[in-house]
Amino acid sequence: MDQVYHIPVLLRESIEGLNIQKDGDYVDVTFGGGGHSREILKNIDGGRLFAFDQDEDAAANAFDDERFIFIRHNFKYIRNFLRHKAVDQVDGILADLGVSSHDFDVAERGFSFRFSGDLDMRMNRDSSRTAADIVNTMDESSLIRIFKDYGEVENARRLVKQIVAARQSAPIRTIDEFKAVIAPCVPKRTETKYLAKVFQALRIETNGELDVLKDFLEQSVELLKPGGRLVVITYHSLEDRLVKNFIKTGNFEGKQEKDFFGNVSSSLQAVNRKVIIPDDDEIERNPRARSAKLRIAEKV
């Protein structure tokens, strides 16, 4: 398999966080290039690894190993597909929520503003709605919300006005057309950072990423055995906040609900008190790791 498909982020820390039992059942819900999965398999003997990925490119990386079961679906369906495999509970679940290096580097996927190509951004190419559909059909107030909430774009209102005015003349279908439309809104000194925020917002909306994450976290609590570990790597503050709140309080708002005895009612307990981030050496080897944050929780 091509090693450069995707360099696994925080590999040692996430594998240690899983606290792998040799005969346990584990799930990698973001298989991608298989970097994390390969390391999990090295640590099990008699156990099994279930790997999810909706991307057909990732499916080509699946291992020929009797301990390995690949499921080509979005991980928001984790509970249904594990039950279909007669699995009710597992010993550990890993999620690396970053878009793979491979997807960023393939122009026709439309994830990166570095290339020309269709404004696509679908992680699942069987899905019907692209980023271009969102840009061309969504109403003004919804677009403003997307760019403010998902990209933290400061001039979101001006940006959307530019988009809405342009699409009345002709649909915006390609990355180059989109960049030309929004060019008057892009700050010259921080162009790359600004475009990254705009593209992130569109990608999150196109793939419903935050709703998928919420569904996944709620199902993970049910699926983990007592003492089982949840390991999640996030790449922006919106994801990290959801994961942090859910581990701490059992909900996404971070409201601490207490039982009769004053105990916080969460089924998870944080293993790492401080969030784990890559060291300088890892960032130098893999610059895309620089925004990664790892949180580990145990089912209580």
Foldseek 3Di string as FASTA:
>chain_A
DDCVQFPDFPQVVLLVLQVDDQQWEEEEADCRLNPNVVVNPVRHDNHAYEYEAQAPVSVVNFDPDPRYHYDNDHCLCVCVVCVVVVAQATQEYEYEPDDGPNLQPPQQCLLHLVHKYWQALDSRPVDDDGLLNCLQDPDLVVQLCLLCVQLVQPPSNVQSVLSNVVVVVPRQTMSVSSCVSNVVVADPVCNRSNVNSSSRSSNCVRHVPVVSLVSNLLVNLRHHDAFGKYKYKDQDDQSVQQVVLCQQAVGRVNDFDADPVRHGDHQKHWPDPDWDADDPVVCVVPVSRHRITMTMIGGD
